[in-house]
Amino acid sequence: MHITVITLPGYTPVEKKLLAKRLKEAAASVGVASFTVSVSIKDLPMEKWDTFIRELPDNEIIIPELRKGYEDY
């Protein structure tokens, strides 16, 4: 399993490593073998963020309650 995180700039390398570690732990907690999990964290400039979010397909949004119309999930 590979987990990709796209974030706004500003997080330190230490914060990114901690996030990656916690994501691996979360995957392991639902039965994914931790040695099969990799994580990448990419910074996206603020000026590109709105376009990125608008173009992200709904089926790639895993936390639907953050999208309008999905409040019941």
Protein backbone atom coordinates (compact mmCIF):
# COMPACT_ATOMS: atom_id res chain seq x y z
CA MET A 1 0.00 0.00 0.00
CA HIS A 2 1.22 3.47 -0.81
CA ILE A 3 -0.25 6.53 0.89
CA THR A 4 0.24 9.93 -0.73
CA VAL A 5 -0.31 13.13 1.22
CA ILE A 6 -0.57 16.44 -0.64
CA THR A 7 -0.20 19.35 1.73
CA LEU A 8 0.40 23.05 1.77
CA PRO A 9 4.03 24.04 2.40
CA GLY A 10 5.17 24.80 5.90
CA TYR A 11 5.48 21.44 7.63
CA THR A 12 8.93 20.56 8.85
CA PRO A 13 10.71 17.35 7.87
CA VAL A 14 10.20 16.13 11.45
CA GLU A 15 6.45 16.76 11.26
CA LYS A 16 6.28 14.94 7.92
CA LYS A 17 8.18 11.94 9.30
CA LEU A 18 5.86 11.81 12.30
CA LEU A 19 2.81 11.92 10.02
CA ALA A 20 4.25 9.13 7.85
CA LYS A 21 4.95 7.03 10.94
CA ARG A 22 1.41 7.53 12.26
CA LEU A 23 -0.11 6.67 8.88
CA LYS A 24 1.88 3.43 8.80
CA GLU A 25 0.68 2.65 12.33
CA ALA A 26 -2.94 3.39 11.33
CA ALA A 27 -2.66 1.07 8.33
CA ALA A 28 -1.23 -1.66 10.58
CA SER A 29 -4.13 -1.18 13.00
CA VAL A 30 -6.58 -2.26 10.29
CA GLY A 31 -4.55 -5.29 9.27
CA VAL A 32 -2.13 -3.99 6.67
CA ALA A 33 1.38 -5.38 7.16
CA SER A 34 3.45 -2.31 8.06
CA PHE A 35 6.40 -3.47 5.96
CA THR A 36 4.17 -3.14 2.88
CA VAL A 37 3.24 0.51 3.59
CA SER A 38 5.08 3.44 2.06
CA VAL A 39 4.21 7.10 2.45
CA SER A 40 5.05 10.14 0.35
CA ILE A 41 4.32 13.73 1.31
CA LYS A 42 4.32 16.40 -1.36
CA ASP A 43 4.04 20.15 -0.85
CA LEU A 44 1.71 21.99 -3.19
CA PRO A 45 2.02 25.77 -3.44
CA MET A 46 -0.93 27.70 -2.04
CA GLU A 47 -1.66 29.26 -5.42
CA LYS A 48 -2.26 25.78 -6.90
CA TRP A 49 -4.31 24.41 -3.99
CA ASP A 50 -7.81 25.52 -5.09
CA THR A 51 -7.33 24.11 -8.59
CA PHE A 52 -5.99 20.84 -7.20
CA ILE A 53 -8.98 20.41 -4.86
CA ARG A 54 -11.55 21.34 -7.53
CA GLU A 55 -10.04 18.85 -10.00
CA LEU A 56 -9.79 16.00 -7.50
CA PRO A 57 -12.40 13.39 -8.49
CA ASP A 58 -15.06 12.68 -5.87
CA ASN A 59 -14.14 9.00 -5.85
CA GLU A 60 -10.65 9.95 -4.64
CA ILE A 61 -11.98 11.85 -1.62
CA ILE A 62 -11.89 9.41 1.27
CA ILE A 63 -13.38 11.73 3.89
CA PRO A 64 -16.64 12.60 2.11
CA GLU A 65 -18.16 14.54 5.00
CA LEU A 66 -15.82 17.37 4.02
CA ARG A 67 -17.55 17.65 0.62
CA LYS A 68 -20.91 19.41 0.22
CA GLY A 69 -23.76 16.96 -0.07
CA TYR A 70 -22.11 14.16 1.87
CA GLU A 71 -23.08 15.26 5.38
CA ASP A 72 -24.87 11.97 6.15
CA TYR A 73 -21.81 9.74 5.76
